[in-house]
Amino acid sequence: MTPEFVVGFARQAIEMTLLISLPMLGVGLVVGLTISILQAATQIQEMTLTFIPKILAIFVALLIAFPWIMDKMITYTRELLLNLPNYVG
């Protein structure tokens, strides 16, 4: 294995991780920003107000994106296992 191969392999794994986490992170960002704007407009400065809506929104996003996430993970793992002899040799 060359250093370029190892770096490329690690890069591909990190890209897959970021791609899979993107839906939940995006929903959390939008909900958090919306609640922050609402808190600023109403001057309600309760710190715990953001947690429950964020948790619920991220959970719903996970339920909706789960089939897509599993498809991406299965495809990545299948390609990894099929090419394993090429990586070792």
PDB file of N, CA and C in Angstrom:
ATOM      1  N   MET A   1       0.844  -1.181   0.000  1.00  0.00           N
ATOM      2  CA  MET A   1       0.000   0.000   0.000  1.00  0.00           C
ATOM      3  C   MET A   1       0.885   1.237   0.000  1.00  0.00           C
ATOM      4  N   THR A   2       0.555   2.131  -0.859  1.00  0.00           N
ATOM      5  CA  THR A   2       1.304   3.371  -0.931  1.00  0.00           C
ATOM      6  C   THR A   2       0.661   4.408  -0.007  1.00  0.00           C
ATOM      7  N   PRO A   3       1.431   5.410   0.370  1.00  0.00           N
ATOM      8  CA  PRO A   3       0.845   6.470   1.208  1.00  0.00           C
ATOM      9  C   PRO A   3      -0.322   7.185   0.526  1.00  0.00           C
ATOM     10  N   GLU A   4      -0.256   7.316  -0.786  1.00  0.00           N
ATOM     11  CA  GLU A   4      -1.346   7.972  -1.515  1.00  0.00           C
ATOM     12  C   GLU A   4      -2.642   7.152  -1.413  1.00  0.00           C
ATOM     13  N   PHE A   5      -2.495   5.832  -1.466  1.00  0.00           N
ATOM     14  CA  PHE A   5      -3.657   4.963  -1.343  1.00  0.00           C
ATOM     15  C   PHE A   5      -4.292   5.092   0.039  1.00  0.00           C
ATOM     16  N   VAL A   6      -3.462   5.097   1.067  1.00  0.00           N
ATOM     17  CA  VAL A   6      -3.979   5.198   2.434  1.00  0.00           C
ATOM     18  C   VAL A   6      -4.672   6.538   2.640  1.00  0.00           C
ATOM     19  N   VAL A   7      -4.086   7.611   2.143  1.00  0.00           N
ATOM     20  CA  VAL A   7      -4.704   8.935   2.277  1.00  0.00           C
ATOM     21  C   VAL A   7      -6.023   8.988   1.501  1.00  0.00           C
ATOM     22  N   GLY A   8      -6.037   8.424   0.308  1.00  0.00           N
ATOM     23  CA  GLY A   8      -7.272   8.396  -0.481  1.00  0.00           C
ATOM     24  C   GLY A   8      -8.357   7.566   0.181  1.00  0.00           C
ATOM     25  N   PHE A   9      -7.949   6.444   0.766  1.00  0.00           N
ATOM     26  CA  PHE A   9      -8.894   5.574   1.464  1.00  0.00           C
ATOM     27  C   PHE A   9      -9.488   6.289   2.679  1.00  0.00           C
ATOM     28  N   ALA A  10      -8.649   6.958   3.460  1.00  0.00           N
ATOM     29  CA  ALA A  10      -9.123   7.709   4.628  1.00  0.00           C
ATOM     30  C   ALA A  10     -10.012   8.872   4.193  1.00  0.00           C
ATOM     31  N   ARG A  11      -9.647   9.526   3.105  1.00  0.00           N
ATOM     32  CA  ARG A  11     -10.446  10.645   2.597  1.00  0.00           C
ATOM     33  C   ARG A  11     -11.842  10.175   2.190  1.00  0.00           C
ATOM     34  N   GLN A  12     -11.897   9.022   1.521  1.00  0.00           N
ATOM     35  CA  GLN A  12     -13.183   8.475   1.107  1.00  0.00           C
ATOM     36  C   GLN A  12     -14.052   8.124   2.311  1.00  0.00           C
ATOM     37  N   ALA A  13     -13.447   7.575   3.358  1.00  0.00           N
ATOM     38  CA  ALA A  13     -14.202   7.232   4.571  1.00  0.00           C
ATOM     39  C   ALA A  13     -14.722   8.488   5.262  1.00  0.00           C
ATOM     40  N   ILE A  14     -13.913   9.541   5.330  1.00  0.00           N
ATOM     41  CA  ILE A  14     -14.349  10.794   5.965  1.00  0.00           C
ATOM     42  C   ILE A  14     -15.451  11.450   5.148  1.00  0.00           C
ATOM     43  N   GLU A  15     -15.329  11.431   3.824  1.00  0.00           N
ATOM     44  CA  GLU A  15     -16.381  11.999   2.980  1.00  0.00           C
ATOM     45  C   GLU A  15     -17.703  11.257   3.172  1.00  0.00           C
ATOM     46  N   MET A  16     -17.644   9.938   3.283  1.00  0.00           N
ATOM     47  CA  MET A  16     -18.853   9.152   3.493  1.00  0.00           C
ATOM     48  C   MET A  16     -19.489   9.489   4.844  1.00  0.00           C
ATOM     49  N   THR A  17     -18.656   9.639   5.863  1.00  0.00           N
ATOM     50  CA  THR A  17     -19.168   9.991   7.190  1.00  0.00           C
ATOM     51  C   THR A  17     -19.862  11.346   7.170  1.00  0.00           C
ATOM     52  N   LEU A  18     -19.250  12.328   6.523  1.00  0.00           N
ATOM     53  CA  LEU A  18     -19.851  13.658   6.440  1.00  0.00           C
ATOM     54  C   LEU A  18     -21.141  13.630   5.617  1.00  0.00           C
ATOM     55  N   LEU A  19     -21.148  12.876   4.532  1.00  0.00           N
ATOM     56  CA  LEU A  19     -22.338  12.788   3.693  1.00  0.00           C
ATOM     57  C   LEU A  19     -23.502  12.154   4.445  1.00  0.00           C
ATOM     58  N   ILE A  20     -23.209  11.130   5.223  1.00  0.00           N
ATOM     59  CA  ILE A  20     -24.258  10.442   5.975  1.00  0.00           C
ATOM     60  C   ILE A  20     -24.801  11.317   7.114  1.00  0.00           C
ATOM     61  N   SER A  21     -23.950  12.112   7.726  1.00  0.00           N
ATOM     62  CA  SER A  21     -24.394  12.932   8.857  1.00  0.00           C
ATOM     63  C   SER A  21     -25.031  14.246   8.417  1.00  0.00           C
ATOM     64  N   LEU A  22     -24.909  14.594   7.142  1.00  0.00           N
ATOM     65  CA  LEU A  22     -25.406  15.882   6.662  1.00  0.00           C
ATOM     66  C   LEU A  22     -26.895  16.135   6.910  1.00  0.00           C
ATOM     67  N   PRO A  23     -27.798  15.184   6.663  1.00  0.00           N
ATOM     68  CA  PRO A  23     -29.218  15.496   6.890  1.00  0.00           C
ATOM     69  C   PRO A  23     -29.535  15.866   8.341  1.00  0.00           C
ATOM     70  N   MET A  24     -28.977  15.130   9.292  1.00  0.00           N
ATOM     71  CA  MET A  24     -29.262  15.422  10.695  1.00  0.00           C
ATOM     72  C   MET A  24     -28.622  16.736  11.136  1.00  0.00           C
ATOM     73  N   LEU A  25     -27.401  16.982  10.687  1.00  0.00           N
ATOM     74  CA  LEU A  25     -26.737  18.233  11.052  1.00  0.00           C
ATOM     75  C   LEU A  25     -27.445  19.438  10.448  1.00  0.00           C
ATOM     76  N   GLY A  26     -27.909  19.296   9.202  1.00  0.00           N
ATOM     77  CA  GLY A  26     -28.627  20.397   8.555  1.00  0.00           C
ATOM     78  C   GLY A  26     -29.943  20.711   9.245  1.00  0.00           C
ATOM     79  N   VAL A  27     -30.688  19.685   9.606  1.00  0.00           N
ATOM     80  CA  VAL A  27     -31.959  19.895  10.303  1.00  0.00           C
ATOM     81  C   VAL A  27     -31.706  20.515  11.678  1.00  0.00           C
ATOM     82  N   GLY A  28     -30.697  20.023  12.382  1.00  0.00           N
ATOM     83  CA  GLY A  28     -30.362  20.600  13.683  1.00  0.00           C
ATOM     84  C   GLY A  28     -29.975  22.066  13.572  1.00  0.00           C
ATOM     85  N   LEU A  29     -29.237  22.410  12.518  1.00  0.00           N
ATOM     86  CA  LEU A  29     -28.844  23.804  12.302  1.00  0.00           C
ATOM     87  C   LEU A  29     -30.048  24.687  12.042  1.00  0.00           C
ATOM     88  N   VAL A  30     -30.948  24.237  11.161  1.00  0.00           N
ATOM     89  CA  VAL A  30     -32.125  25.045  10.820  1.00  0.00           C
ATOM     90  C   VAL A  30     -33.042  25.221  12.028  1.00  0.00           C
ATOM     91  N   VAL A  31     -33.290  24.150  12.761  1.00  0.00           N
ATOM     92  CA  VAL A  31     -34.163  24.244  13.938  1.00  0.00           C
ATOM     93  C   VAL A  31     -33.521  25.112  15.009  1.00  0.00           C
ATOM     94  N   GLY A  32     -32.235  24.939  15.251  1.00  0.00           N
ATOM     95  CA  GLY A  32     -31.549  25.758  16.244  1.00  0.00           C
ATOM     96  C   GLY A  32     -31.558  27.230  15.888  1.00  0.00           C
ATOM     97  N   LEU A  33     -31.325  27.541  14.607  1.00  0.00           N
ATOM     98  CA  LEU A  33     -31.340  28.933  14.170  1.00  0.00           C
ATOM     99  C   LEU A  33     -32.729  29.536  14.278  1.00  0.00           C
ATOM    100  N   THR A  34     -33.748  28.753  13.910  1.00  0.00           N
ATOM    101  CA  THR A  34     -35.125  29.242  14.004  1.00  0.00           C
ATOM    102  C   THR A  34     -35.502  29.534  15.457  1.00  0.00           C
ATOM    103  N   ILE A  35     -35.144  28.650  16.354  1.00  0.00           N
ATOM    104  CA  ILE A  35     -35.480  28.861  17.763  1.00  0.00           C
ATOM    105  C   ILE A  35     -34.680  30.020  18.338  1.00  0.00           C
ATOM    106  N   SER A  36     -33.450  30.190  17.906  1.00  0.00           N
ATOM    107  CA  SER A  36     -32.650  31.323  18.380  1.00  0.00           C
ATOM    108  C   SER A  36     -33.257  32.644  17.929  1.00  0.00           C
ATOM    109  N   ILE A  37     -33.731  32.697  16.685  1.00  0.00           N
ATOM    110  CA  ILE A  37     -34.387  33.917  16.197  1.00  0.00           C
ATOM    111  C   ILE A  37     -35.674  34.164  16.972  1.00  0.00           C
ATOM    112  N   LEU A  38     -36.424  33.104  17.231  1.00  0.00           N
ATOM    113  CA  LEU A  38     -37.661  33.230  18.013  1.00  0.00           C
ATOM    114  C   LEU A  38     -37.367  33.708  19.431  1.00  0.00           C
ATOM    115  N   GLN A  39     -36.311  33.183  20.033  1.00  0.00           N
ATOM    116  CA  GLN A  39     -35.940  33.621  21.382  1.00  0.00           C
ATOM    117  C   GLN A  39     -35.505  35.078  21.384  1.00  0.00           C
ATOM    118  N   ALA A  40     -34.779  35.487  20.369  1.00  0.00           N
ATOM    119  CA  ALA A  40     -34.339  36.884  20.301  1.00  0.00           C
ATOM    120  C   ALA A  40     -35.521  37.825  20.080  1.00  0.00           C
ATOM    121  N   ALA A  41     -36.488  37.388  19.287  1.00  0.00           N
ATOM    122  CA  ALA A  41     -37.646  38.235  19.006  1.00  0.00           C
ATOM    123  C   ALA A  41     -38.562  38.358  20.218  1.00  0.00           C
ATOM    124  N   THR A  42     -38.704  37.291  20.979  1.00  0.00           N
ATOM    125  CA  THR A  42     -39.609  37.313  22.124  1.00  0.00           C
ATOM    126  C   THR A  42     -38.897  37.593  23.440  1.00  0.00           C
ATOM    127  N   GLN A  43     -37.572  37.674  23.409  1.00  0.00           N
ATOM    128  CA  GLN A  43     -36.737  37.916  24.588  1.00  0.00           C
ATOM    129  C   GLN A  43     -36.905  36.832  25.653  1.00  0.00           C
ATOM    130  N   ILE A  44     -37.200  35.615  25.206  1.00  0.00           N
ATOM    131  CA  ILE A  44     -37.217  34.465  26.115  1.00  0.00           C
ATOM    132  C   ILE A  44     -35.819  33.871  26.087  1.00  0.00           C
ATOM    133  N   GLN A  45     -35.132  33.905  27.197  1.00  0.00           N
ATOM    134  CA  GLN A  45     -33.748  33.448  27.236  1.00  0.00           C
ATOM    135  C   GLN A  45     -33.614  32.145  28.022  1.00  0.00           C
ATOM    136  N   GLU A  46     -34.475  31.199  27.747  1.00  0.00           N
ATOM    137  CA  GLU A  46     -34.414  29.901  28.407  1.00  0.00           C
ATOM    138  C   GLU A  46     -33.476  28.993  27.619  1.00  0.00           C
ATOM    139  N   MET A  47     -32.429  28.508  28.250  1.00  0.00           N
ATOM    140  CA  MET A  47     -31.414  27.706  27.567  1.00  0.00           C
ATOM    141  C   MET A  47     -31.948  26.323  27.178  1.00  0.00           C
ATOM    142  N   THR A  48     -32.847  25.774  27.967  1.00  0.00           N
ATOM    143  CA  THR A  48     -33.332  24.420  27.694  1.00  0.00           C
ATOM    144  C   THR A  48     -34.406  24.387  26.609  1.00  0.00           C
ATOM    145  N   LEU A  49     -34.856  25.534  26.161  1.00  0.00           N
ATOM    146  CA  LEU A  49     -35.925  25.596  25.156  1.00  0.00           C
ATOM    147  C   LEU A  49     -35.490  25.011  23.816  1.00  0.00           C
ATOM    148  N   THR A  50     -34.212  25.044  23.504  1.00  0.00           N
ATOM    149  CA  THR A  50     -33.753  24.568  22.199  1.00  0.00           C
ATOM    150  C   THR A  50     -33.565  23.054  22.144  1.00  0.00           C
ATOM    151  N   PHE A  51     -33.387  22.412  23.277  1.00  0.00           N
ATOM    152  CA  PHE A  51     -33.028  20.994  23.265  1.00  0.00           C
ATOM    153  C   PHE A  51     -34.132  20.085  22.743  1.00  0.00           C
ATOM    154  N   ILE A  52     -35.334  20.198  23.262  1.00  0.00           N
ATOM    155  CA  ILE A  52     -36.417  19.289  22.880  1.00  0.00           C
ATOM    156  C   ILE A  52     -36.780  19.422  21.399  1.00  0.00           C
ATOM    157  N   PRO A  53     -36.984  20.632  20.868  1.00  0.00           N
ATOM    158  CA  PRO A  53     -37.284  20.709  19.423  1.00  0.00           C
ATOM    159  C   PRO A  53     -36.144  20.176  18.550  1.00  0.00           C
ATOM    160  N   LYS A  54     -34.897  20.430  18.941  1.00  0.00           N
ATOM    161  CA  LYS A  54     -33.768  19.925  18.162  1.00  0.00           C
ATOM    162  C   LYS A  54     -33.726  18.401  18.184  1.00  0.00           C
ATOM    163  N   ILE A  55     -33.907  17.821  19.352  1.00  0.00           N
ATOM    164  CA  ILE A  55     -33.878  16.363  19.469  1.00  0.00           C
ATOM    165  C   ILE A  55     -34.988  15.738  18.640  1.00  0.00           C
ATOM    166  N   LEU A  56     -36.193  16.288  18.730  1.00  0.00           N
ATOM    167  CA  LEU A  56     -37.310  15.754  17.958  1.00  0.00           C
ATOM    168  C   LEU A  56     -37.087  15.911  16.458  1.00  0.00           C
ATOM    169  N   ALA A  57     -36.598  17.071  16.040  1.00  0.00           N
ATOM    170  CA  ALA A  57     -36.375  17.312  14.616  1.00  0.00           C
ATOM    171  C   ALA A  57     -35.276  16.407  14.064  1.00  0.00           C
ATOM    172  N   ILE A  58     -34.208  16.222  14.815  1.00  0.00           N
ATOM    173  CA  ILE A  58     -33.125  15.349  14.363  1.00  0.00           C
ATOM    174  C   ILE A  58     -33.603  13.900  14.312  1.00  0.00           C
ATOM    175  N   PHE A  59     -34.416  13.492  15.265  1.00  0.00           N
ATOM    176  CA  PHE A  59     -34.963  12.133  15.251  1.00  0.00           C
ATOM    177  C   PHE A  59     -35.852  11.913  14.029  1.00  0.00           C
ATOM    178  N   VAL A  60     -36.699  12.880  13.712  1.00  0.00           N
ATOM    179  CA  VAL A  60     -37.562  12.764  12.529  1.00  0.00           C
ATOM    180  C   VAL A  60     -36.712  12.744  11.261  1.00  0.00           C
ATOM    181  N   ALA A  61     -35.689  13.586  11.203  1.00  0.00           N
ATOM    182  CA  ALA A  61     -34.799  13.590  10.036  1.00  0.00           C
ATOM    183  C   ALA A  61     -34.084  12.247   9.894  1.00  0.00           C
ATOM    184  N   LEU A  62     -33.692  11.650  11.016  1.00  0.00           N
ATOM    185  CA  LEU A  62     -33.052  10.341  10.974  1.00  0.00           C
ATOM    186  C   LEU A  62     -34.018   9.276  10.465  1.00  0.00           C
ATOM    187  N   LEU A  63     -35.261   9.328  10.912  1.00  0.00           N
ATOM    188  CA  LEU A  63     -36.255   8.359  10.437  1.00  0.00           C
ATOM    189  C   LEU A  63     -36.512   8.498   8.937  1.00  0.00           C
ATOM    190  N   ILE A  64     -36.555   9.738   8.462  1.00  0.00           N
ATOM    191  CA  ILE A  64     -36.816   9.970   7.040  1.00  0.00           C
ATOM    192  C   ILE A  64     -35.599   9.595   6.191  1.00  0.00           C
ATOM    193  N   ALA A  65     -34.400   9.927   6.669  1.00  0.00           N
ATOM    194  CA  ALA A  65     -33.183   9.696   5.883  1.00  0.00           C
ATOM    195  C   ALA A  65     -32.597   8.304   6.086  1.00  0.00           C
ATOM    196  N   PHE A  66     -33.157   7.512   6.984  1.00  0.00           N
ATOM    197  CA  PHE A  66     -32.563   6.216   7.304  1.00  0.00           C
ATOM    198  C   PHE A  66     -32.420   5.274   6.102  1.00  0.00           C
ATOM    199  N   PRO A  67     -33.431   5.141   5.240  1.00  0.00           N
ATOM    200  CA  PRO A  67     -33.246   4.253   4.072  1.00  0.00           C
ATOM    201  C   PRO A  67     -32.094   4.709   3.163  1.00  0.00           C
ATOM    202  N   TRP A  68     -31.993   5.999   2.945  1.00  0.00           N
ATOM    203  CA  TRP A  68     -30.906   6.542   2.124  1.00  0.00           C
ATOM    204  C   TRP A  68     -29.551   6.304   2.789  1.00  0.00           C
ATOM    205  N   ILE A  69     -29.474   6.505   4.096  1.00  0.00           N
ATOM    206  CA  ILE A  69     -28.233   6.281   4.832  1.00  0.00           C
ATOM    207  C   ILE A  69     -27.824   4.817   4.743  1.00  0.00           C
ATOM    208  N   MET A  70     -28.775   3.920   4.939  1.00  0.00           N
ATOM    209  CA  MET A  70     -28.457   2.494   4.866  1.00  0.00           C
ATOM    210  C   MET A  70     -28.006   2.093   3.459  1.00  0.00           C
ATOM    211  N   ASP A  71     -28.628   2.656   2.438  1.00  0.00           N
ATOM    212  CA  ASP A  71     -28.217   2.365   1.071  1.00  0.00           C
ATOM    213  C   ASP A  71     -26.775   2.811   0.831  1.00  0.00           C
ATOM    214  N   LYS A  72     -26.442   4.006   1.286  1.00  0.00           N
ATOM    215  CA  LYS A  72     -25.073   4.515   1.129  1.00  0.00           C
ATOM    216  C   LYS A  72     -24.081   3.643   1.892  1.00  0.00           C
ATOM    217  N   MET A  73     -24.422   3.266   3.115  1.00  0.00           N
ATOM    218  CA  MET A  73     -23.511   2.455   3.920  1.00  0.00           C
ATOM    219  C   MET A  73     -23.332   1.058   3.335  1.00  0.00           C
ATOM    220  N   ILE A  74     -24.404   0.460   2.842  1.00  0.00           N
ATOM    221  CA  ILE A  74     -24.312  -0.882   2.258  1.00  0.00           C
ATOM    222  C   ILE A  74     -23.486  -0.839   0.976  1.00  0.00           C
ATOM    223  N   THR A  75     -23.707   0.170   0.139  1.00  0.00           N
ATOM    224  CA  THR A  75     -22.926   0.302  -1.096  1.00  0.00           C
ATOM    225  C   THR A  75     -21.445   0.490  -0.792  1.00  0.00           C
ATOM    226  N   TYR A  76     -21.129   1.360   0.157  1.00  0.00           N
ATOM    227  CA  TYR A  76     -19.735   1.605   0.526  1.00  0.00           C
ATOM    228  C   TYR A  76     -19.091   0.337   1.082  1.00  0.00           C
ATOM    229  N   THR A  77     -19.782  -0.367   1.960  1.00  0.00           N
ATOM    230  CA  THR A  77     -19.239  -1.583   2.559  1.00  0.00           C
ATOM    231  C   THR A  77     -19.081  -2.686   1.524  1.00  0.00           C
ATOM    232  N   ARG A  78     -20.044  -2.813   0.638  1.00  0.00           N
ATOM    233  CA  ARG A  78     -19.959  -3.831  -0.412  1.00  0.00           C
ATOM    234  C   ARG A  78     -18.744  -3.577  -1.309  1.00  0.00           C
ATOM    235  N   GLU A  79     -18.552  -2.330  -1.727  1.00  0.00           N
ATOM    236  CA  GLU A  79     -17.392  -2.001  -2.553  1.00  0.00           C
ATOM    237  C   GLU A  79     -16.088  -2.242  -1.804  1.00  0.00           C
ATOM    238  N   LEU A  80     -16.084  -1.929  -0.533  1.00  0.00           N
ATOM    239  CA  LEU A  80     -14.886  -2.141   0.280  1.00  0.00           C
ATOM    240  C   LEU A  80     -14.549  -3.629   0.372  1.00  0.00           C
ATOM    241  N   LEU A  81     -15.552  -4.440   0.650  1.00  0.00           N
ATOM    242  CA  LEU A  81     -15.304  -5.879   0.797  1.00  0.00           C
ATOM    243  C   LEU A  81     -14.982  -6.553  -0.534  1.00  0.00           C
ATOM    244  N   LEU A  82     -15.611  -6.110  -1.623  1.00  0.00           N
ATOM    245  CA  LEU A  82     -15.313  -6.689  -2.928  1.00  0.00           C
ATOM    246  C   LEU A  82     -13.901  -6.346  -3.396  1.00  0.00           C
ATOM    247  N   ASN A  83     -13.409  -5.172  -3.043  1.00  0.00           N
ATOM    248  CA  ASN A  83     -12.077  -4.743  -3.454  1.00  0.00           C
ATOM    249  C   ASN A  83     -10.997  -5.086  -2.427  1.00  0.00           C
ATOM    250  N   LEU A  84     -11.358  -5.796  -1.385  1.00  0.00           N
ATOM    251  CA  LEU A  84     -10.389  -6.124  -0.349  1.00  0.00           C
ATOM    252  C   LEU A  84      -9.175  -6.911  -0.876  1.00  0.00           C
ATOM    253  N   PRO A  85      -9.362  -7.877  -1.777  1.00  0.00           N
ATOM    254  CA  PRO A  85      -8.164  -8.549  -2.326  1.00  0.00           C
ATOM    255  C   PRO A  85      -7.221  -7.598  -3.068  1.00  0.00           C
ATOM    256  N   ASN A  86      -7.775  -6.574  -3.714  1.00  0.00           N
ATOM    257  CA  ASN A  86      -6.933  -5.594  -4.400  1.00  0.00           C
ATOM    258  C   ASN A  86      -6.163  -4.727  -3.413  1.00  0.00           C
ATOM    259  N   TYR A  87      -6.754  -4.478  -2.251  1.00  0.00           N
ATOM    260  CA  TYR A  87      -6.094  -3.639  -1.255  1.00  0.00           C
ATOM    261  C   TYR A  87      -4.951  -4.384  -0.574  1.00  0.00           C
ATOM    262  N   VAL A  88      -5.146  -5.663  -0.328  1.00  0.00           N
ATOM    263  CA  VAL A  88      -4.139  -6.456   0.398  1.00  0.00           C
ATOM    264  C   VAL A  88      -2.957  -6.776  -0.505  1.00  0.00           C
ATOM    265  N   GLY A  89      -3.231  -7.084  -1.759  1.00  0.00           N
ATOM    266  CA  GLY A  89      -2.194  -7.524  -2.678  1.00  0.00           C
ATOM    267  C   GLY A  89      -1.271  -6.489  -3.158  1.00  0.00           C
TER     268      GLY A  89
END
